[in-house]
Amino acid sequence: MRTGVVLALLLSTGLAHASHETPPVRLLLRSCNDYREADVERMLAAELAGENVTSFGTSSEAEPNRDPTWVVARCEESRVLLEVNDPLSRKTLKRSINLQSSAPKARSRVIAIAAAELVLASWAELAVQPIPRVEPEGAAPDQAQAAAAVARVRLAASRATLDPRWQEPEESLASLQLRRLPARRSADFTRVMGFAGVRRFFDREGALFGGGVRFGGPAGPNSGYSIDASGETGSFGEPDSEVRINTWTLGGAVYVSTKATRWFTLRGGVGLRAGAAVTTRPSGERHDSLAIWGWPMLCLSSSLRDKTLVAELYVEGGYATLPARAPSGAWFGLQFALGVVP
């Protein structure tokens, strides 16, 4: 393992005087047997100076008054720990990167890019605060090297503004924050269920029993809907004057919803149920009559779910008028449903 190589990068740009050289950078890889140091050096040189490299050389010792910026990379399984010791800003920066998601052939370049970003981040302090309010420990940096480092940082910034990926309309900080926020999840969820239930009138003896299928889903962050098809049968009245009723209806509702817990959802809303009813009267000869049947309703429901299954308790209430001489008035219904979450 090599002890290190100086990356002497000379930079000539309109942002700095032509005599300003890019400060020297020395790279050291430790326990990085999977990567060739020469490859990482070459890529780091390109990242720090790009097309402005006019010379590239190595030296076993730093030149007088030109202490190098050290980049030390330590490899630990799939991680690389980067440490930059910068004599110009007189500080040390550290960063850990995970190479597991990178292709093996690209990992040397990933290390070089991350190292260059850390070096430029250290040099950027010279542009923002060239004279620190609290003097750090160590010798003051060479002014020519500091000016060259600032020029290199400004060059990197100017390139970033010319990058097409940055050519977007200006946005306010608030709009950027809103755009980057993850989409808000609805309190409701899609479900397909079969149900069984009972319907009773408050002022009548007897009940309707039946079942059907229901589909429900979210309509917004705190709203949803449901549609169903059901059939019910039952009888009302005394045995000698009993009226038997068979119904087939379609129902729909919209509601507001909220999550009581991660798996428990509560809903409340309004809806409409309409369909047909056949009444059978036992008086004299058997007589059947068909009529349209419908009503507005209020509905409440609660769902308990896991990833794929859902159980739901559903309550309806409203006011109905049935065919002639059949029960009418206020009613309530109770349904229990089981289904799946697609």
Protein backbone atom coordinates (compact mmCIF):
# COMPACT_ATOMS: atom_id res chain seq x y z
CA MET A 1 0.00 0.00 0.00
CA ARG A 2 1.37 3.32 -1.01
CA THR A 3 1.82 5.95 1.64
CA GLY A 4 0.47 8.74 -0.55
CA VAL A 5 0.80 10.78 -3.70
CA VAL A 6 0.61 14.53 -4.16
CA LEU A 7 -1.98 15.63 -6.68
CA ALA A 8 -0.44 18.84 -8.07
CA LEU A 9 -3.26 20.49 -9.95
CA LEU A 10 -2.64 23.83 -11.69
CA LEU A 11 -5.67 25.98 -12.39
CA SER A 12 -5.89 28.95 -14.75
CA THR A 13 -9.26 30.72 -14.70
CA GLY A 14 -10.69 34.19 -14.99
CA LEU A 15 -11.84 33.83 -11.42
CA ALA A 16 -8.28 33.86 -10.10
CA HIS A 17 -4.93 35.21 -11.14
CA ALA A 18 -3.11 32.99 -13.68
CA SER A 19 -0.22 32.42 -11.30
CA HIS A 20 -2.49 30.87 -8.68
CA GLU A 21 -2.02 27.13 -8.57
CA THR A 22 -4.61 24.77 -7.20
CA PRO A 23 -3.41 23.84 -3.69
CA PRO A 24 -1.80 20.40 -3.51
CA VAL A 25 -3.89 17.45 -2.41
CA ARG A 26 -2.44 14.20 -1.17
CA LEU A 27 -4.47 10.97 -1.20
CA LEU A 28 -3.99 7.97 1.07
CA LEU A 29 -6.03 4.75 0.83
CA ARG A 30 -6.05 2.45 3.83
CA SER A 31 -7.35 -1.14 3.77
CA CYS A 32 -8.80 -0.48 0.31
CA ASN A 33 -7.37 -3.46 -1.52
CA ASP A 34 -10.29 -3.56 -3.97
CA TYR A 35 -9.42 -0.17 -5.45
CA ARG A 36 -6.35 1.01 -7.36
CA GLU A 37 -4.96 4.16 -5.82
CA ALA A 38 -3.84 5.41 -9.23
CA ASP A 39 -7.42 5.22 -10.53
CA VAL A 40 -8.81 7.15 -7.55
CA GLU A 41 -6.01 9.75 -7.88
CA ARG A 42 -6.76 10.31 -11.56
CA MET A 43 -10.49 10.72 -10.95
CA LEU A 44 -9.93 12.99 -7.95
CA ALA A 45 -7.67 15.19 -10.08
CA ALA A 46 -10.38 15.43 -12.74
CA GLU A 47 -13.02 16.33 -10.16
CA LEU A 48 -10.89 19.06 -8.60
CA ALA A 49 -9.75 20.72 -11.82
CA GLY A 50 -11.36 19.07 -14.85
CA GLU A 51 -10.28 20.54 -18.15
CA ASN A 52 -8.20 23.16 -16.32
CA VAL A 53 -5.51 20.65 -15.39
CA THR A 54 -2.31 21.82 -17.01
CA SER A 55 0.07 19.50 -15.25
CA PHE A 56 -0.05 16.44 -13.05
CA GLY A 57 2.84 15.24 -10.99
CA THR A 58 3.85 13.37 -7.87
CA SER A 59 6.21 14.22 -5.06
CA SER A 60 7.34 12.30 -2.03
CA GLU A 61 7.55 15.49 0.03
CA ALA A 62 5.54 18.65 0.16
CA GLU A 63 7.19 21.78 -1.16
CA PRO A 64 8.21 24.50 1.31
CA ASN A 65 5.20 26.56 2.45
CA ARG A 66 2.88 24.23 0.52
CA ASP A 67 1.47 21.85 3.10
CA PRO A 68 -0.96 19.57 1.26
CA THR A 69 -4.61 18.96 1.97
CA TRP A 70 -4.77 15.32 3.02
CA VAL A 71 -7.56 12.99 1.93
CA VAL A 72 -7.51 9.71 3.84
CA ALA A 73 -9.92 6.96 2.78
CA ARG A 74 -10.44 3.96 5.07
CA CYS A 75 -12.38 0.99 3.70
CA GLU A 76 -14.58 -1.05 6.04
CA GLU A 77 -16.55 -3.74 4.19
CA SER A 78 -19.05 -1.84 2.03
CA ARG A 79 -18.34 1.53 3.69
CA VAL A 80 -15.62 4.07 3.04
CA LEU A 81 -14.73 6.60 5.74
CA LEU A 82 -13.33 9.81 4.25
CA GLU A 83 -11.33 12.32 6.27
CA VAL A 84 -10.00 15.62 4.94
CA ASN A 85 -7.31 17.46 6.91
CA ASP A 86 -7.05 20.93 5.42
CA PRO A 87 -4.20 23.26 6.44
CA LEU A 88 -5.84 26.18 4.58
CA SER A 89 -9.10 26.30 6.55
CA ARG A 90 -7.35 24.58 9.48
CA LYS A 91 -10.11 22.07 10.05
CA THR A 92 -10.88 18.39 9.60
CA LEU A 93 -13.97 17.07 7.82
CA LYS A 94 -15.27 13.52 7.88
CA ARG A 95 -17.85 11.68 5.85
CA SER A 96 -19.00 8.07 5.58
CA ILE A 97 -20.35 6.69 2.30
CA ASN A 98 -21.96 3.35 1.55
CA LEU A 99 -20.86 1.78 -1.71
CA GLN A 100 -23.23 -1.17 -1.59
CA SER A 101 -25.73 0.43 -4.00
CA SER A 102 -23.00 1.38 -6.51
CA ALA A 103 -21.78 -0.89 -9.28
CA PRO A 104 -18.33 -2.35 -8.47
CA LYS A 105 -16.77 -0.70 -11.56
CA ALA A 106 -18.06 2.72 -10.49
CA ARG A 107 -16.94 2.66 -6.87
CA SER A 108 -13.51 4.22 -7.46
CA ARG A 109 -15.24 7.17 -9.12
CA VAL A 110 -17.76 7.43 -6.28
CA ILE A 111 -14.89 7.65 -3.78
CA ALA A 112 -13.17 10.34 -5.88
CA ILE A 113 -16.35 12.42 -6.25
CA ALA A 114 -17.11 12.25 -2.53
CA ALA A 115 -13.51 13.18 -1.66
CA ALA A 116 -13.55 16.15 -4.06
CA GLU A 117 -16.82 17.43 -2.61
CA LEU A 118 -15.38 17.25 0.89
CA VAL A 119 -12.21 19.12 -0.16
CA LEU A 120 -14.23 21.86 -1.89
CA ALA A 121 -16.53 22.12 1.15
CA SER A 122 -13.47 22.76 3.32
CA TRP A 123 -12.06 25.36 0.92
CA ALA A 124 -15.46 27.08 0.66
CA GLU A 125 -15.05 28.44 4.19
CA LEU A 126 -12.17 30.58 2.89
CA ALA A 127 -14.59 32.35 0.56
CA VAL A 128 -17.36 32.75 3.12
CA GLN A 129 -15.19 33.78 6.08
CA PRO A 130 -11.59 34.40 5.04
CA ILE A 131 -10.72 35.82 8.48
CA PRO A 132 -12.20 33.65 11.24
CA ARG A 133 -13.51 35.47 14.29
CA VAL A 134 -11.94 32.80 16.49
CA GLU A 135 -8.42 32.04 15.32
CA PRO A 136 -7.99 28.28 14.90
CA GLU A 137 -4.93 26.40 16.01
CA GLY A 138 -2.10 26.07 13.51
CA ALA A 139 -0.09 28.24 11.15
CA ALA A 140 -1.92 30.79 9.03
CA PRO A 141 -2.43 29.58 5.45
CA ASP A 142 -0.37 30.79 2.53
CA GLN A 143 -2.39 33.61 0.96
CA ALA A 144 -1.65 32.53 -2.61
CA GLN A 145 -2.86 29.01 -1.89
CA ALA A 146 -5.93 30.34 -0.13
CA ALA A 147 -6.77 32.56 -3.10
CA ALA A 148 -6.31 29.60 -5.46
CA ALA A 149 -8.60 27.46 -3.30
CA VAL A 150 -11.28 30.18 -3.33
CA ALA A 151 -10.97 30.43 -7.13
CA ARG A 152 -11.46 26.68 -7.44
CA VAL A 153 -14.59 26.80 -5.27
CA ARG A 154 -16.04 29.65 -7.33
CA LEU A 155 -15.31 27.75 -10.52
CA ALA A 156 -17.22 24.75 -9.17
CA ALA A 157 -20.14 27.03 -8.25
CA SER A 158 -20.18 28.64 -11.71
CA ARG A 159 -20.22 25.23 -13.37
CA ALA A 160 -23.15 24.17 -11.22
CA THR A 161 -25.22 27.17 -12.34
CA LEU A 162 -24.53 26.28 -15.98
CA ASP A 163 -25.56 22.66 -15.48
CA PRO A 164 -28.91 22.07 -17.31
CA ARG A 165 -30.20 20.23 -14.27
CA TRP A 166 -30.15 23.56 -12.41
CA GLN A 167 -31.91 25.52 -15.15
CA GLU A 168 -35.35 25.61 -13.51
CA PRO A 169 -37.64 28.56 -12.76
CA GLU A 170 -36.85 30.24 -9.48
CA GLU A 171 -39.02 29.03 -6.66
CA SER A 172 -39.61 30.38 -3.22
CA LEU A 173 -38.30 28.46 -0.26
CA ALA A 174 -41.88 27.70 0.80
CA SER A 175 -42.81 26.25 -2.59
CA LEU A 176 -39.65 24.13 -2.66
CA GLN A 177 -40.44 22.78 0.79
CA LEU A 178 -44.00 21.97 -0.24
CA ARG A 179 -42.86 20.32 -3.47
CA ARG A 180 -40.42 18.12 -1.61
CA LEU A 181 -42.90 17.05 1.03
CA PRO A 182 -44.11 13.48 0.53
CA ALA A 183 -47.67 13.12 -0.66
CA ARG A 184 -50.05 12.93 2.27
CA ARG A 185 -51.58 9.51 2.67
CA SER A 186 -55.34 9.16 2.86
CA ALA A 187 -56.89 8.05 6.12
CA ASP A 188 -59.01 5.63 4.08
CA PHE A 189 -58.08 2.68 1.89
CA THR A 190 -59.48 0.57 -0.94
CA ARG A 191 -61.40 -2.54 0.10
CA VAL A 192 -63.75 -5.15 -1.38
CA MET A 193 -66.10 -6.89 1.08
CA GLY A 194 -69.04 -9.17 1.46
CA PHE A 195 -71.52 -8.32 4.21
CA ALA A 196 -74.50 -9.65 6.13
CA GLY A 197 -76.94 -7.49 8.05
CA VAL A 198 -80.30 -6.75 9.58
CA ARG A 199 -82.69 -3.80 9.08
CA ARG A 200 -85.48 -2.83 11.49
CA PHE A 201 -88.14 -0.13 11.85
CA PHE A 202 -88.45 1.65 15.15
CA ASP A 203 -92.26 1.33 15.29
CA ARG A 204 -92.78 -2.13 13.75
CA GLU A 205 -92.31 -5.73 14.75
CA GLY A 206 -90.14 -7.73 12.40
CA ALA A 207 -86.97 -7.19 10.46
CA LEU A 208 -85.26 -7.61 7.10
CA PHE A 209 -82.24 -9.93 6.86
CA GLY A 210 -79.83 -10.18 3.99
CA GLY A 211 -76.42 -9.35 2.60
CA GLY A 212 -74.45 -8.19 -0.39
CA VAL A 213 -71.14 -6.86 -1.61
CA ARG A 214 -69.54 -3.49 -0.99
CA PHE A 215 -66.62 -1.62 -2.57
CA GLY A 216 -65.01 1.36 -0.85
CA GLY A 217 -62.01 3.61 -1.27
CA PRO A 218 -60.40 6.99 -0.57
CA ALA A 219 -61.55 10.21 -2.23
CA GLY A 220 -59.09 12.55 -0.50
CA PRO A 221 -56.80 12.80 2.53
CA ASN A 222 -59.76 12.56 4.94
CA SER A 223 -62.67 11.47 2.78
CA GLY A 224 -63.93 8.37 0.99
CA TYR A 225 -66.87 6.67 -0.66
CA SER A 226 -68.61 3.31 -0.83
CA ILE A 227 -71.05 1.59 -3.18
CA ASP A 228 -72.89 -1.68 -2.60
CA ALA A 229 -75.54 -4.04 -3.90
CA SER A 230 -77.73 -5.92 -1.45
CA GLY A 231 -80.75 -8.15 -1.17
CA GLU A 232 -82.95 -8.53 1.93
CA THR A 233 -86.01 -10.47 2.96
CA GLY A 234 -88.25 -10.43 6.02
CA SER A 235 -91.74 -9.96 7.41
CA PHE A 236 -93.65 -7.41 9.45
CA GLY A 237 -96.85 -7.53 11.45
CA GLU A 238 -98.85 -10.11 13.37
CA PRO A 239 -98.95 -13.73 12.13
CA ASP A 240 -102.52 -13.43 10.74
CA SER A 241 -101.74 -10.18 8.93
CA GLU A 242 -98.05 -10.64 8.25
CA VAL A 243 -96.59 -8.89 5.22
CA ARG A 244 -93.52 -10.46 3.66
CA ILE A 245 -91.05 -8.22 1.83
CA ASN A 246 -88.16 -8.95 -0.54
CA THR A 247 -85.88 -6.05 -1.55
CA TRP A 248 -83.01 -5.49 -3.98
CA THR A 249 -81.17 -2.21 -3.65
CA LEU A 250 -78.08 -0.28 -4.64
CA GLY A 251 -76.51 2.02 -2.07
CA GLY A 252 -73.87 4.71 -2.17
CA ALA A 253 -72.34 7.02 0.42
CA VAL A 254 -69.65 9.64 0.82
CA TYR A 255 -68.04 10.30 4.17
CA VAL A 256 -65.22 11.85 6.12
CA SER A 257 -62.70 9.46 7.63
CA THR A 258 -59.96 9.46 10.21
CA LYS A 259 -57.43 6.98 11.50
CA ALA A 260 -57.86 6.24 15.18
CA THR A 261 -54.76 4.03 15.03
CA ARG A 262 -52.58 2.72 12.24
CA TRP A 263 -55.00 -0.14 11.53
CA PHE A 264 -58.31 1.29 12.80
CA THR A 265 -60.37 3.74 10.69
CA LEU A 266 -63.57 5.61 11.58
CA ARG A 267 -66.04 7.09 9.05
CA GLY A 268 -69.22 9.15 9.05
CA GLY A 269 -71.23 10.33 6.06
CA VAL A 270 -74.44 10.55 4.07
CA GLY A 271 -75.84 8.40 1.29
CA LEU A 272 -78.79 7.14 -0.69
CA ARG A 273 -80.25 3.67 -1.15
CA ALA A 274 -82.73 2.84 -3.89
CA GLY A 275 -84.14 -0.23 -5.58
CA ALA A 276 -87.20 -2.41 -5.79
CA ALA A 277 -89.38 -4.09 -3.17
CA VAL A 278 -91.86 -6.95 -3.61
CA THR A 279 -94.49 -7.33 -0.89
CA THR A 280 -96.51 -10.53 -0.46
CA ARG A 281 -99.85 -10.27 1.34
CA PRO A 282 -101.49 -13.40 2.76
CA SER A 283 -105.01 -11.96 2.93
CA GLY A 284 -107.35 -14.03 0.76
CA GLU A 285 -105.49 -15.07 -2.34
CA ARG A 286 -101.74 -14.57 -2.47
CA HIS A 287 -100.98 -11.12 -3.87
CA ASP A 288 -97.57 -9.72 -4.84
CA SER A 289 -96.89 -6.08 -5.61
CA LEU A 290 -93.69 -4.53 -7.00
CA ALA A 291 -92.70 -0.96 -6.22
CA ILE A 292 -89.74 1.36 -6.30
CA TRP A 293 -88.18 1.74 -2.88
CA GLY A 294 -85.59 4.28 -1.67
CA TRP A 295 -84.47 6.63 1.03
CA PRO A 296 -81.71 9.00 2.14
CA MET A 297 -79.54 7.81 4.99
CA LEU A 298 -76.83 8.61 7.47
CA CYS A 299 -74.05 6.05 7.85
CA LEU A 300 -71.26 5.29 10.31
CA SER A 301 -68.58 2.63 9.96
CA SER A 302 -65.39 1.41 11.56
CA SER A 303 -62.74 -0.78 9.97
CA LEU A 304 -60.03 -2.95 11.47
CA ARG A 305 -57.44 -4.06 8.94
CA ASP A 306 -54.04 -5.58 8.46
CA LYS A 307 -52.04 -5.60 5.22
CA THR A 308 -54.51 -7.73 3.22
CA LEU A 309 -57.68 -8.36 5.28
CA VAL A 310 -60.34 -6.02 6.65
CA ALA A 311 -63.33 -6.38 9.00
CA GLU A 312 -65.95 -3.62 9.05
CA LEU A 313 -68.96 -2.72 11.19
CA TYR A 314 -71.46 -0.57 9.27
CA VAL A 315 -74.51 1.27 10.67
CA GLU A 316 -77.22 2.96 8.56
CA GLY A 317 -80.20 5.04 9.56
CA GLY A 318 -82.91 6.94 7.68
CA TYR A 319 -86.58 7.35 6.84
CA ALA A 320 -88.33 5.19 4.24
CA THR A 321 -91.73 4.81 2.65
CA LEU A 322 -92.46 1.27 1.47
CA PRO A 323 -95.20 0.20 -1.00
CA ALA A 324 -98.80 0.66 0.00
CA ARG A 325 -99.91 -0.92 3.30
CA ALA A 326 -96.31 -1.91 4.17
CA PRO A 327 -94.20 -0.53 7.02
CA SER A 328 -92.74 2.90 6.60
CA GLY A 329 -90.96 5.40 8.77
CA ALA A 330 -87.66 5.64 10.58
CA TRP A 331 -85.38 2.62 10.44
CA PHE A 332 -81.85 1.54 11.26
CA GLY A 333 -79.60 -1.16 9.85
CA LEU A 334 -76.55 -2.99 11.13
CA GLN A 335 -74.09 -4.83 8.89
CA PHE A 336 -70.91 -6.79 9.44
CA ALA A 337 -68.48 -7.16 6.54
CA LEU A 338 -65.32 -9.12 5.81
CA GLY A 339 -63.09 -8.51 2.82
CA VAL A 340 -59.70 -7.89 1.33
CA VAL A 341 -57.44 -4.89 0.76
CA PRO A 342 -56.18 -5.10 -2.87
